[in-house]
C-alpha atoms as a PDB file:
ATOM      1  CA  MET A   1      -0.278  31.399   3.346  1.00  0.00           C
ATOM      2  CA  MET A   2      -2.870  31.894   6.107  1.00  0.00           C
ATOM      3  CA  PRO A   3      -1.677  30.749   9.493  1.00  0.00           C
ATOM      4  CA  ARG A   4      -3.266  27.328  10.404  1.00  0.00           C
ATOM      5  CA  THR A   5      -4.728  28.636  13.684  1.00  0.00           C
ATOM      6  CA  ILE A   6      -6.516  31.529  12.019  1.00  0.00           C
ATOM      7  CA  LEU A   7      -7.774  29.160   9.242  1.00  0.00           C
ATOM      8  CA  LEU A   8      -9.178  26.843  11.793  1.00  0.00           C
ATOM      9  CA  LEU A   9     -10.978  29.659  13.581  1.00  0.00           C
ATOM     10  CA  LEU A  10     -12.516  30.778  10.299  1.00  0.00           C
ATOM     11  CA  LEU A  11     -13.560  27.269   9.436  1.00  0.00           C
ATOM     12  CA  PHE A  12     -15.281  26.394  12.681  1.00  0.00           C
ATOM     13  CA  THR A  13     -16.810  29.752  13.766  1.00  0.00           C
ATOM     14  CA  PRO A  14     -20.568  29.340  13.715  1.00  0.00           C
ATOM     15  CA  VAL A  15     -22.419  31.409  11.205  1.00  0.00           C
ATOM     16  CA  SER A  16     -25.468  33.232  12.600  1.00  0.00           C
ATOM     17  CA  THR A  17     -28.790  32.157  11.303  1.00  0.00           C
ATOM     18  CA  ALA A  18     -29.903  35.762  11.562  1.00  0.00           C
ATOM     19  CA  MET A  19     -27.530  36.809   8.746  1.00  0.00           C
ATOM     20  CA  GLU A  20     -29.015  38.345   5.674  1.00  0.00           C
ATOM     21  CA  PRO A  21     -29.129  35.841   2.662  1.00  0.00           C
ATOM     22  CA  ILE A  22     -26.439  37.687   0.770  1.00  0.00           C
ATOM     23  CA  SER A  23     -24.088  37.761   3.747  1.00  0.00           C
ATOM     24  CA  MET A  24     -24.941  34.119   4.502  1.00  0.00           C
ATOM     25  CA  GLY A  25     -23.998  33.179   0.898  1.00  0.00           C
ATOM     26  CA  ILE A  26     -20.733  35.011   1.152  1.00  0.00           C
ATOM     27  CA  ALA A  27     -19.769  33.275   4.389  1.00  0.00           C
ATOM     28  CA  VAL A  28     -20.628  29.972   2.945  1.00  0.00           C
ATOM     29  CA  GLY A  29     -18.575  30.623  -0.028  1.00  0.00           C
ATOM     30  CA  VAL A  30     -15.653  31.703   1.921  1.00  0.00           C
ATOM     31  CA  ALA A  31     -15.949  28.627   4.173  1.00  0.00           C
ATOM     32  CA  THR A  32     -16.027  26.371   1.241  1.00  0.00           C
ATOM     33  CA  ALA A  33     -12.939  27.890  -0.418  1.00  0.00           C
ATOM     34  CA  LEU A  34     -11.096  27.824   2.928  1.00  0.00           C
ATOM     35  CA  THR A  35     -12.144  24.161   3.463  1.00  0.00           C
ATOM     36  CA  GLY A  36     -10.637  23.258   0.028  1.00  0.00           C
ATOM     37  CA  LEU A  37      -7.463  25.233   0.833  1.00  0.00           C
ATOM     38  CA  PHE A  38      -7.265  23.527   4.290  1.00  0.00           C
ATOM     39  CA  THR A  39      -7.864  20.132   2.854  1.00  0.00           C
ATOM     40  CA  GLY A  40      -4.971  20.564   0.334  1.00  0.00           C
ATOM     41  CA  ASN A  41      -2.672  21.953   2.964  1.00  0.00           C
ATOM     42  CA  PHE A  42      -3.611  19.297   5.396  1.00  0.00           C
ATOM     43  CA  LEU A  43      -2.788  16.584   2.782  1.00  0.00           C
ATOM     44  CA  ASN A  44       0.576  18.256   2.116  1.00  0.00           C
ATOM     45  CA  LEU A  45       1.269  18.443   5.805  1.00  0.00           C
ATOM     46  CA  TYR A  46       0.255  14.802   6.355  1.00  0.00           C
ATOM     47  CA  CYS A  47       2.448  13.617   3.462  1.00  0.00           C
ATOM     48  CA  MET A  48       5.453  15.298   5.034  1.00  0.00           C
ATOM     49  CA  PHE A  49       5.336  12.730   7.806  1.00  0.00           C
ATOM     50  CA  GLN A  50       3.319   9.742   6.553  1.00  0.00           C
ATOM     51  CA  GLU A  51       3.940   7.861   3.246  1.00  0.00           C
ATOM     52  CA  CYS A  52       1.557   8.896   0.469  1.00  0.00           C
ATOM     53  CA  CYS A  53       1.118   8.092  -3.191  1.00  0.00           C
ATOM     54  CA  GLU A  54       2.735  11.363  -3.975  1.00  0.00           C
ATOM     55  CA  ASP A  55       5.943  12.503  -5.655  1.00  0.00           C
ATOM     56  CA  GLN A  56       7.772  13.110  -2.430  1.00  0.00           C
ATOM     57  CA  TRP A  57       7.468   9.454  -1.633  1.00  0.00           C
ATOM     58  CA  ILE A  58       7.362   7.857  -5.116  1.00  0.00           C
ATOM     59  CA  GLY A  59       9.592   8.854  -8.011  1.00  0.00           C
ATOM     60  CA  PHE A  60      12.543   7.291 -10.014  1.00  0.00           C
ATOM     61  CA  ASN A  61      16.233   7.578  -9.343  1.00  0.00           C
ATOM     62  CA  SER A  62      17.713   6.288 -12.495  1.00  0.00           C
ATOM     63  CA  THR A  63      21.200   7.129 -11.494  1.00  0.00           C
ATOM     64  CA  GLY A  64      20.730   5.308  -8.178  1.00  0.00           C
ATOM     65  CA  LEU A  65      19.420   2.291  -9.957  1.00  0.00           C
ATOM     66  CA  GLN A  66      22.450   2.074 -12.237  1.00  0.00           C
ATOM     67  CA  VAL A  67      24.940   2.675  -9.407  1.00  0.00           C
ATOM     68  CA  ASP A  68      23.368  -0.050  -7.202  1.00  0.00           C
ATOM     69  CA  LEU A  69      23.181  -2.495 -10.091  1.00  0.00           C
ATOM     70  CA  ASP A  70      26.921  -1.819 -10.775  1.00  0.00           C
ATOM     71  CA  ASN A  71      28.097  -2.016  -7.190  1.00  0.00           C
ATOM     72  CA  LYS A  72      25.834  -4.778  -5.760  1.00  0.00           C
ATOM     73  CA  ILE A  73      24.979  -7.253  -8.553  1.00  0.00           C
ATOM     74  CA  PHE A  74      27.885  -9.409  -9.746  1.00  0.00           C
ATOM     75  CA  GLY A  75      28.185 -11.616 -12.800  1.00  0.00           C
ATOM     76  CA  GLN A  76      24.824 -10.627 -14.203  1.00  0.00           C
ATOM     77  CA  HIS A  77      25.491  -8.505 -17.262  1.00  0.00           C
ATOM     78  CA  ILE A  78      22.320  -9.658 -19.008  1.00  0.00           C
ATOM     79  CA  ALA A  79      20.073  -8.998 -16.004  1.00  0.00           C
ATOM     80  CA  LYS A  80      21.616  -5.600 -15.243  1.00  0.00           C
ATOM     81  CA  GLN A  81      21.231  -4.425 -18.849  1.00  0.00           C
ATOM     82  CA  VAL A  82      17.594  -5.636 -19.248  1.00  0.00           C
ATOM     83  CA  ILE A  83      16.529  -4.282 -15.873  1.00  0.00           C
ATOM     84  CA  LEU A  84      18.105  -0.874 -16.332  1.00  0.00           C
ATOM     85  CA  LYS A  85      16.569  -0.412 -19.753  1.00  0.00           C
ATOM     86  CA  THR A  86      13.180  -1.716 -19.133  1.00  0.00           C
ATOM     87  CA  VAL A  87      12.662  -0.074 -15.786  1.00  0.00           C
ATOM     88  CA  SER A  88      14.005   3.267 -17.052  1.00  0.00           C
ATOM     89  CA  GLY A  89      11.864   3.131 -20.241  1.00  0.00           C
ATOM     90  CA  PHE A  90       8.725   2.174 -18.497  1.00  0.00           C
ATOM     91  CA  LEU A  91       8.985   4.850 -15.823  1.00  0.00           C
ATOM     92  CA  SER A  92       9.850   7.633 -18.250  1.00  0.00           C
ATOM     93  CA  ASN A  93       6.701   6.742 -20.401  1.00  0.00           C
ATOM     94  CA  PRO A  94       3.797   8.952 -19.329  1.00  0.00           C
ATOM     95  CA  ASN A  95       1.267   6.672 -20.955  1.00  0.00           C
ATOM     96  CA  PRO A  96       2.316   3.006 -20.835  1.00  0.00           C
ATOM     97  CA  LYS A  97       0.017   0.549 -22.621  1.00  0.00           C
ATOM     98  CA  LYS A  98       0.228  -2.145 -19.932  1.00  0.00           C
ATOM     99  CA  PRO A  99       1.963  -2.786 -16.576  1.00  0.00           C
ATOM    100  CA  LEU A 100       5.660  -3.601 -16.568  1.00  0.00           C
ATOM    101  CA  THR A 101       5.960  -7.404 -16.090  1.00  0.00           C
ATOM    102  CA  LEU A 102       9.243  -9.052 -15.562  1.00  0.00           C
ATOM    103  CA  SER A 103      10.035 -12.660 -14.777  1.00  0.00           C
ATOM    104  CA  LEU A 104      13.454 -13.324 -13.144  1.00  0.00           C
ATOM    105  CA  HIS A 105      14.861 -16.798 -13.435  1.00  0.00           C
ATOM    106  CA  GLY A 106      18.045 -18.522 -12.220  1.00  0.00           C
ATOM    107  CA  TRP A 107      19.739 -20.699  -9.685  1.00  0.00           C
ATOM    108  CA  THR A 108      19.427 -19.780  -6.039  1.00  0.00           C
ATOM    109  CA  GLY A 109      21.624 -17.078  -4.675  1.00  0.00           C
ATOM    110  CA  THR A 110      22.297 -15.359  -8.089  1.00  0.00           C
ATOM    111  CA  GLY A 111      20.745 -12.027  -7.177  1.00  0.00           C
ATOM    112  CA  LYS A 112      17.020 -12.148  -8.071  1.00  0.00           C
ATOM    113  CA  ASN A 113      15.706 -10.940  -4.743  1.00  0.00           C
ATOM    114  CA  LEU A 114      18.448  -8.375  -4.306  1.00  0.00           C
ATOM    115  CA  ILE A 115      17.654  -6.849  -7.766  1.00  0.00           C
ATOM    116  CA  SER A 116      14.083  -6.633  -6.811  1.00  0.00           C
ATOM    117  CA  LYS A 117      15.049  -4.684  -3.693  1.00  0.00           C
ATOM    118  CA  ILE A 118      17.213  -2.391  -5.716  1.00  0.00           C
ATOM    119  CA  ILE A 119      14.282  -1.645  -8.205  1.00  0.00           C
ATOM    120  CA  ALA A 120      11.907  -0.961  -5.239  1.00  0.00           C
ATOM    121  CA  GLU A 121      14.550   1.409  -3.603  1.00  0.00           C
ATOM    122  CA  SER A 122      14.975   3.337  -6.873  1.00  0.00           C
ATOM    123  CA  ILE A 123      11.321   4.122  -7.051  1.00  0.00           C
ATOM    124  CA  PHE A 124       9.941   4.141  -3.488  1.00  0.00           C
ATOM    125  CA  LYS A 125      11.478   6.279  -0.726  1.00  0.00           C
ATOM    126  CA  ASN A 126      10.786   3.376   1.777  1.00  0.00           C
ATOM    127  CA  GLY A 127      12.007   0.676  -0.599  1.00  0.00           C
ATOM    128  CA  LEU A 128      10.669  -2.754   0.146  1.00  0.00           C
ATOM    129  CA  LYS A 129       9.043  -1.263   3.330  1.00  0.00           C
ATOM    130  CA  SER A 130       6.844   0.962   1.332  1.00  0.00           C
ATOM    131  CA  ASP A 131       3.094   0.495   1.686  1.00  0.00           C
ATOM    132  CA  TYR A 132       2.889   0.443  -2.084  1.00  0.00           C
ATOM    133  CA  VAL A 133       5.374  -2.535  -2.498  1.00  0.00           C
ATOM    134  CA  HIS A 134       3.691  -5.860  -1.905  1.00  0.00           C
ATOM    135  CA  GLN A 135       5.496  -9.285  -1.660  1.00  0.00           C
ATOM    136  CA  PHE A 136       3.866 -12.631  -1.970  1.00  0.00           C
ATOM    137  CA  VAL A 137       5.730 -15.899  -1.191  1.00  0.00           C
ATOM    138  CA  SER A 138       4.033 -18.982  -2.608  1.00  0.00           C
ATOM    139  CA  THR A 139       4.779 -21.293   0.227  1.00  0.00           C
ATOM    140  CA  LEU A 140       3.711 -18.669   2.804  1.00  0.00           C
ATOM    141  CA  HIS A 141       0.669 -17.072   1.206  1.00  0.00           C
ATOM    142  CA  PHE A 142      -0.696 -19.896  -0.963  1.00  0.00           C
ATOM    143  CA  PRO A 143       0.353 -23.183   0.809  1.00  0.00           C
ATOM    144  CA  HIS A 144      -2.859 -25.322   0.449  1.00  0.00           C
ATOM    145  CA  PRO A 145      -3.792 -26.633  -2.996  1.00  0.00           C
ATOM    146  CA  GLU A 146      -7.455 -27.262  -1.828  1.00  0.00           C
ATOM    147  CA  TYR A 147      -7.902 -23.463  -1.426  1.00  0.00           C
ATOM    148  CA  LEU A 148      -6.946 -22.691  -4.966  1.00  0.00           C
ATOM    149  CA  SER A 149     -10.229 -20.909  -5.825  1.00  0.00           C
ATOM    150  CA  SER A 150     -10.145 -18.917  -2.646  1.00  0.00           C
ATOM    151  CA  TYR A 151      -6.568 -17.844  -3.319  1.00  0.00           C
ATOM    152  CA  LYS A 152      -7.452 -16.647  -6.807  1.00  0.00           C
ATOM    153  CA  GLU A 153     -10.311 -14.431  -5.406  1.00  0.00           C
ATOM    154  CA  GLN A 154      -8.157 -13.117  -2.675  1.00  0.00           C
ATOM    155  CA  LEU A 155      -5.280 -12.271  -5.062  1.00  0.00           C
ATOM    156  CA  GLN A 156      -7.511 -10.343  -7.328  1.00  0.00           C
ATOM    157  CA  LYS A 157      -9.007  -8.427  -4.434  1.00  0.00           C
ATOM    158  CA  TRP A 158      -5.491  -7.553  -3.003  1.00  0.00           C
ATOM    159  CA  ILE A 159      -4.236  -6.268  -6.375  1.00  0.00           C
ATOM    160  CA  ARG A 160      -7.378  -4.364  -7.181  1.00  0.00           C
ATOM    161  CA  GLY A 161      -7.607  -2.804  -3.777  1.00  0.00           C
ATOM    162  CA  ASN A 162      -3.893  -1.733  -3.672  1.00  0.00           C
ATOM    163  CA  VAL A 163      -3.818  -0.311  -7.265  1.00  0.00           C
ATOM    164  CA  SER A 164      -7.017   1.554  -6.434  1.00  0.00           C
ATOM    165  CA  LEU A 165      -5.047   3.237  -3.545  1.00  0.00           C
ATOM    166  CA  CYS A 166      -1.922   3.826  -5.585  1.00  0.00           C
ATOM    167  CA  GLY A 167      -1.572   3.276  -9.349  1.00  0.00           C
ATOM    168  CA  ARG A 168       2.206   3.109  -8.990  1.00  0.00           C
ATOM    169  CA  SER A 169       2.149  -0.098  -6.935  1.00  0.00           C
ATOM    170  CA  MET A 170       4.686  -2.769  -7.262  1.00  0.00           C
ATOM    171  CA  PHE A 171       3.984  -6.496  -6.769  1.00  0.00           C
ATOM    172  CA  ILE A 172       6.708  -9.105  -6.250  1.00  0.00           C
ATOM    173  CA  PHE A 173       5.805 -12.888  -6.517  1.00  0.00           C
ATOM    174  CA  ASP A 174       8.508 -15.074  -5.019  1.00  0.00           C
ATOM    175  CA  GLU A 175       8.895 -18.784  -5.388  1.00  0.00           C
ATOM    176  CA  MET A 176       6.964 -19.004  -8.553  1.00  0.00           C
ATOM    177  CA  ASP A 177       8.357 -22.384  -9.160  1.00  0.00           C
ATOM    178  CA  LYS A 178       6.416 -23.548  -5.958  1.00  0.00           C
ATOM    179  CA  MET A 179       3.202 -21.822  -6.869  1.00  0.00           C
ATOM    180  CA  GLN A 180       0.127 -23.912  -7.718  1.00  0.00           C
ATOM    181  CA  ALA A 181      -0.475 -24.119 -11.539  1.00  0.00           C
ATOM    182  CA  GLY A 182      -3.323 -21.961 -12.595  1.00  0.00           C
ATOM    183  CA  LEU A 183      -3.224 -19.576  -9.641  1.00  0.00           C
ATOM    184  CA  ILE A 184      -1.280 -16.768 -11.350  1.00  0.00           C
ATOM    185  CA  ASP A 185      -3.852 -16.735 -14.201  1.00  0.00           C
ATOM    186  CA  ALA A 186      -6.162 -14.957 -11.877  1.00  0.00           C
ATOM    187  CA  ILE A 187      -4.350 -11.709 -12.405  1.00  0.00           C
ATOM    188  CA  LYS A 188      -4.091 -12.055 -16.154  1.00  0.00           C
ATOM    189  CA  PRO A 189      -6.626  -9.122 -16.793  1.00  0.00           C
ATOM    190  CA  TYR A 190      -4.519  -6.727 -14.673  1.00  0.00           C
ATOM    191  CA  LEU A 191      -1.478  -7.350 -16.934  1.00  0.00           C
ATOM    192  CA  ASP A 192      -3.211  -6.917 -20.173  1.00  0.00           C
ATOM    193  CA  TYR A 193      -3.658  -4.007 -22.549  1.00  0.00           C
ATOM    194  CA  TYR A 194      -6.713  -2.415 -20.976  1.00  0.00           C
ATOM    195  CA  GLU A 195      -7.243   1.283 -20.431  1.00  0.00           C
ATOM    196  CA  ASN A 196      -8.886   0.433 -17.220  1.00  0.00           C
ATOM    197  CA  ILE A 197     -10.865  -2.343 -15.515  1.00  0.00           C
ATOM    198  CA  ASP A 198     -14.027  -1.206 -13.678  1.00  0.00           C
ATOM    199  CA  GLY A 199     -12.532   2.276 -13.464  1.00  0.00           C
ATOM    200  CA  VAL A 200      -9.217   1.112 -12.067  1.00  0.00           C
ATOM    201  CA  VAL A 201      -6.087   1.810 -14.085  1.00  0.00           C
ATOM    202  CA  TYR A 202      -3.293  -0.848 -13.826  1.00  0.00           C
ATOM    203  CA  ARG A 203      -0.985   0.332 -16.579  1.00  0.00           C
ATOM    204  CA  ASN A 204       1.377   2.092 -14.117  1.00  0.00           C
ATOM    205  CA  ALA A 205       1.903  -0.851 -11.874  1.00  0.00           C
ATOM    206  CA  ILE A 206       4.943  -3.096 -11.828  1.00  0.00           C
ATOM    207  CA  PHE A 207       4.829  -6.925 -11.516  1.00  0.00           C
ATOM    208  CA  ILE A 208       7.964  -8.923 -10.837  1.00  0.00           C
ATOM    209  CA  PHE A 209       8.113 -12.758 -10.637  1.00  0.00           C
ATOM    210  CA  LEU A 210      10.981 -14.643  -9.161  1.00  0.00           C
ATOM    211  CA  SER A 211      11.657 -18.316  -9.894  1.00  0.00           C
ATOM    212  CA  ASN A 212      14.353 -20.973  -9.697  1.00  0.00           C
ATOM    213  CA  ALA A 213      12.643 -22.627 -12.684  1.00  0.00           C
ATOM    214  CA  GLY A 214      14.730 -22.511 -15.860  1.00  0.00           C
ATOM    215  CA  GLY A 215      17.886 -22.341 -13.733  1.00  0.00           C
ATOM    216  CA  GLU A 216      19.174 -25.604 -15.208  1.00  0.00           C
ATOM    217  CA  SER A 217      18.768 -24.657 -18.732  1.00  0.00           C
ATOM    218  CA  ILE A 218      20.461 -21.244 -18.011  1.00  0.00           C
ATOM    219  CA  ASN A 219      23.387 -23.121 -16.424  1.00  0.00           C
ATOM    220  CA  LYS A 220      23.565 -25.434 -19.305  1.00  0.00           C
ATOM    221  CA  ILE A 221      23.912 -22.605 -21.774  1.00  0.00           C
ATOM    222  CA  ALA A 222      26.453 -20.750 -19.574  1.00  0.00           C
ATOM    223  CA  LEU A 223      28.566 -23.974 -19.390  1.00  0.00           C
ATOM    224  CA  GLU A 224      28.471 -24.557 -23.141  1.00  0.00           C
ATOM    225  CA  PHE A 225      29.794 -20.996 -23.638  1.00  0.00           C
ATOM    226  CA  TRP A 226      32.584 -21.697 -21.117  1.00  0.00           C
ATOM    227  CA  ARG A 227      33.508 -24.940 -22.711  1.00  0.00           C
ATOM    228  CA  LYS A 228      33.736 -23.263 -26.091  1.00  0.00           C
ATOM    229  CA  GLY A 229      36.237 -20.769 -24.622  1.00  0.00           C
ATOM    230  CA  SER A 230      33.775 -17.896 -25.130  1.00  0.00           C
ATOM    231  CA  LYS A 231      33.578 -15.102 -22.676  1.00  0.00           C
ATOM    232  CA  ARG A 232      30.716 -15.042 -20.185  1.00  0.00           C
ATOM    233  CA  GLU A 233      29.830 -11.508 -21.415  1.00  0.00           C
ATOM    234  CA  ASP A 234      29.315 -12.851 -24.891  1.00  0.00           C
ATOM    235  CA  ILE A 235      26.068 -14.518 -23.695  1.00  0.00           C
ATOM    236  CA  GLN A 236      23.186 -12.357 -24.808  1.00  0.00           C
ATOM    237  CA  VAL A 237      19.504 -12.379 -23.745  1.00  0.00           C
ATOM    238  CA  LYS A 238      18.506 -13.745 -27.171  1.00  0.00           C
ATOM    239  CA  ASP A 239      20.652 -16.867 -26.557  1.00  0.00           C
ATOM    240  CA  ILE A 240      18.521 -17.722 -23.527  1.00  0.00           C
ATOM    241  CA  GLU A 241      15.174 -15.977 -23.401  1.00  0.00           C
ATOM    242  CA  SER A 242      13.184 -18.048 -25.914  1.00  0.00           C
ATOM    243  CA  LYS A 243      14.529 -21.435 -24.544  1.00  0.00           C
ATOM    244  CA  LEU A 244      13.690 -20.116 -20.949  1.00  0.00           C
ATOM    245  CA  SER A 245      10.025 -19.074 -21.727  1.00  0.00           C
ATOM    246  CA  VAL A 246       9.246 -22.378 -23.473  1.00  0.00           C
ATOM    247  CA  GLY A 247      10.921 -24.359 -20.746  1.00  0.00           C
ATOM    248  CA  VAL A 248       9.005 -22.630 -17.956  1.00  0.00           C
ATOM    249  CA  PHE A 249       5.739 -22.796 -19.815  1.00  0.00           C
ATOM    250  CA  ASN A 250       6.067 -26.584 -20.242  1.00  0.00           C
ATOM    251  CA  ASN A 251       7.381 -27.234 -16.683  1.00  0.00           C
ATOM    252  CA  LYS A 252       4.532 -28.950 -14.730  1.00  0.00           C
ATOM    253  CA  LYS A 253       6.325 -28.052 -11.465  1.00  0.00           C
ATOM    254  CA  SER A 254       6.237 -24.361 -12.224  1.00  0.00           C
ATOM    255  CA  GLY A 255       3.578 -21.817 -11.407  1.00  0.00           C
ATOM    256  CA  PHE A 256       3.768 -20.692 -15.021  1.00  0.00           C
ATOM    257  CA  TRP A 257       2.823 -24.101 -16.471  1.00  0.00           C
ATOM    258  CA  HIS A 258       0.653 -23.492 -19.479  1.00  0.00           C
ATOM    259  CA  THR A 259      -0.174 -20.051 -18.041  1.00  0.00           C
ATOM    260  CA  SER A 260      -2.076 -17.461 -20.173  1.00  0.00           C
ATOM    261  CA  LEU A 261       0.502 -14.874 -19.008  1.00  0.00           C
ATOM    262  CA  ILE A 262       3.058 -16.591 -21.283  1.00  0.00           C
ATOM    263  CA  ASP A 263       0.586 -17.765 -23.992  1.00  0.00           C
ATOM    264  CA  LYS A 264      -0.731 -14.213 -24.362  1.00  0.00           C
ATOM    265  CA  ASN A 265       2.716 -12.647 -24.301  1.00  0.00           C
ATOM    266  CA  LEU A 266       2.033 -10.513 -21.277  1.00  0.00           C
ATOM    267  CA  ILE A 267       5.484 -10.984 -19.650  1.00  0.00           C
ATOM    268  CA  ASP A 268       7.692  -8.301 -21.060  1.00  0.00           C
ATOM    269  CA  TYR A 269      10.938  -9.995 -20.349  1.00  0.00           C
ATOM    270  CA  PHE A 270      12.233 -13.336 -19.020  1.00  0.00           C
ATOM    271  CA  VAL A 271      15.389 -12.217 -17.307  1.00  0.00           C
ATOM    272  CA  PRO A 272      18.112 -14.912 -16.976  1.00  0.00           C
ATOM    273  CA  PHE A 273      20.489 -15.000 -13.911  1.00  0.00           C
ATOM    274  CA  LEU A 274      23.713 -16.779 -14.721  1.00  0.00           C
ATOM    275  CA  PRO A 275      25.383 -19.088 -12.322  1.00  0.00           C
ATOM    276  CA  LEU A 276      28.024 -17.382 -10.239  1.00  0.00           C
ATOM    277  CA  GLU A 277      31.778 -18.253 -10.502  1.00  0.00           C
ATOM    278  CA  TYR A 278      34.419 -18.294  -7.655  1.00  0.00           C
ATOM    279  CA  LYS A 279      35.412 -14.646  -8.513  1.00  0.00           C
ATOM    280  CA  HIS A 280      31.818 -13.496  -8.111  1.00  0.00           C
ATOM    281  CA  VAL A 281      31.443 -15.147  -4.739  1.00  0.00           C
ATOM    282  CA  LYS A 282      34.537 -13.225  -3.588  1.00  0.00           C
ATOM    283  CA  MET A 283      32.928  -9.965  -4.868  1.00  0.00           C
ATOM    284  CA  CYS A 284      29.809 -10.898  -2.769  1.00  0.00           C
ATOM    285  CA  VAL A 285      31.899 -11.330   0.410  1.00  0.00           C
ATOM    286  CA  ARG A 286      33.823  -8.173  -0.228  1.00  0.00           C
ATOM    287  CA  GLU A 287      30.492  -6.188  -0.552  1.00  0.00           C
ATOM    288  CA  GLU A 288      29.072  -7.955   2.574  1.00  0.00           C
ATOM    289  CA  LEU A 289      32.176  -6.795   4.593  1.00  0.00           C
ATOM    290  CA  LYS A 290      31.791  -3.247   3.116  1.00  0.00           C
ATOM    291  CA  SER A 291      28.059  -3.075   4.027  1.00  0.00           C
ATOM    292  CA  ARG A 292      29.026  -3.965   7.664  1.00  0.00           C
ATOM    293  CA  GLY A 293      31.647  -1.297   7.801  1.00  0.00           C
ATOM    294  CA  SER A 294      34.407  -3.969   8.117  1.00  0.00           C
ATOM    295  CA  LYS A 295      37.732  -3.804   6.347  1.00  0.00           C
ATOM    296  CA  GLU A 296      38.247  -5.894   3.319  1.00  0.00           C
ATOM    297  CA  ASP A 297      40.184  -8.837   4.739  1.00  0.00           C
ATOM    298  CA  GLU A 298      41.465 -10.906   1.831  1.00  0.00           C
ATOM    299  CA  ASN A 299      41.876 -13.883   4.151  1.00  0.00           C
ATOM    300  CA  ILE A 300      38.307 -13.814   5.082  1.00  0.00           C
ATOM    301  CA  ILE A 301      37.180 -13.184   1.470  1.00  0.00           C
ATOM    302  CA  SER A 302      39.111 -16.207   0.210  1.00  0.00           C
ATOM    303  CA  SER A 303      38.078 -18.519   3.172  1.00  0.00           C
ATOM    304  CA  VAL A 304      34.341 -17.852   2.664  1.00  0.00           C
ATOM    305  CA  ALA A 305      34.708 -18.405  -1.127  1.00  0.00           C
ATOM    306  CA  ASP A 306      36.692 -21.629  -0.606  1.00  0.00           C
ATOM    307  CA  GLU A 307      33.923 -22.918   1.656  1.00  0.00           C
ATOM    308  CA  MET A 308      31.330 -22.933  -1.038  1.00  0.00           C
ATOM    309  CA  THR A 309      30.684 -25.975  -3.135  1.00  0.00           C
ATOM    310  CA  TYR A 310      31.069 -25.799  -6.914  1.00  0.00           C
ATOM    311  CA  PHE A 311      29.790 -27.643 -10.031  1.00  0.00           C
ATOM    312  CA  PRO A 312      30.166 -29.450 -12.461  1.00  0.00           C
ATOM    313  CA  GLU A 313      32.123 -32.076 -10.632  1.00  0.00           C
ATOM    314  CA  ASP A 314      35.039 -32.173 -13.068  1.00  0.00           C
ATOM    315  CA  GLU A 315      35.520 -28.390 -13.721  1.00  0.00           C
ATOM    316  CA  LEU A 316      34.068 -26.823 -10.461  1.00  0.00           C
ATOM    317  CA  ILE A 317      33.182 -23.595 -11.970  1.00  0.00           C
ATOM    318  CA  TYR A 318      29.886 -22.397 -10.600  1.00  0.00           C
ATOM    319  CA  SER A 319      28.752 -22.084  -6.979  1.00  0.00           C
ATOM    320  CA  HIS A 320      25.896 -24.357  -6.064  1.00  0.00           C
ATOM    321  CA  LYS A 321      24.386 -21.720  -3.771  1.00  0.00           C
ATOM    322  CA  GLY A 322      25.548 -18.564  -5.578  1.00  0.00           C
ATOM    323  CA  CYS A 323      26.075 -16.017  -2.813  1.00  0.00           C
ATOM    324  CA  LYS A 324      23.110 -17.274  -0.759  1.00  0.00           C
ATOM    325  CA  THR A 325      24.955 -18.194   2.393  1.00  0.00           C
ATOM    326  CA  VAL A 326      27.768 -15.501   2.215  1.00  0.00           C
ATOM    327  CA  ALA A 327      26.263 -13.473   4.979  1.00  0.00           C
ATOM    328  CA  SER A 328      26.069 -16.290   7.503  1.00  0.00           C
ATOM    329  CA  LYS A 329      29.644 -17.395   6.655  1.00  0.00           C
ATOM    330  CA  VAL A 330      31.000 -13.905   7.202  1.00  0.00           C
ATOM    331  CA  ASP A 331      29.285 -13.977  10.569  1.00  0.00           C
ATOM    332  CA  PHE A 332      31.346 -16.925  11.481  1.00  0.00           C
ATOM    333  CA  TYR A 333      34.657 -15.189  10.594  1.00  0.00           C
ATOM    334  CA  LEU A 334      33.753 -11.842  12.167  1.00  0.00           C
END
């Protein structure tokens, strides 16, 4: 490869206007070729230090995804199975027909945000901090009902602009249960089966929706299985998904109320997150201690789990907050 200093000298040395036409043509041709070479090399050099929409920054670590799901997500056999299969299948498909669209539902503290983080880290070198991962929080980004039309326009511009910069963009919409009804329909065209829209290809993007909506119906199904004496692991996605999608679609307090995203079957999977039991809370505490480099103190683990409140009132099986407040409670004991 030509040294950069020599290349720069060749590129920026003036060409004499007195040169013969043939010599001038050769000089211009060489300069043009070198400019292309320099541009390519400069891009490679730039991407060594600054995140780019290139393979060294964006890929897929399927092994890492599976390991993190196994080691960090507890009590969610359905979610882990669906996420691993759908994400792996989508990212191994060189020509997907539409963007991957997942809607994660369940009680607070059951792992929805954490699993989104794990997905991002398996694809983007910078994880959630990547310039190509975009998070929207309903109460923060879309707080005022009177600005609904403006929000729709802004949302379309944000998605169009970011996918134009990088086709493998990821969008996370949190608090869908608090989003204004009708707003999410603004992005319906980007989730549909189009080759491109105005020259922009959206089929390689990933959309993830997080919502507490449907949590009660998920909890009810989980409790019914428990009362029948069935194993938690016997619950399958088919036992929940159809009821979940219908319930969310008809929930007036949900951002998915009568949305075309559900009506037109544009959400690939409704992923249920089951309520967490006492043993799962202990797993969360153990993982929190491990992540801090602290030893696994069984007294701390049991004390934190015991401080949680559980339901139903008679059986006290499931944690009201899942593992939501584990980190702050560990702070107290450490």
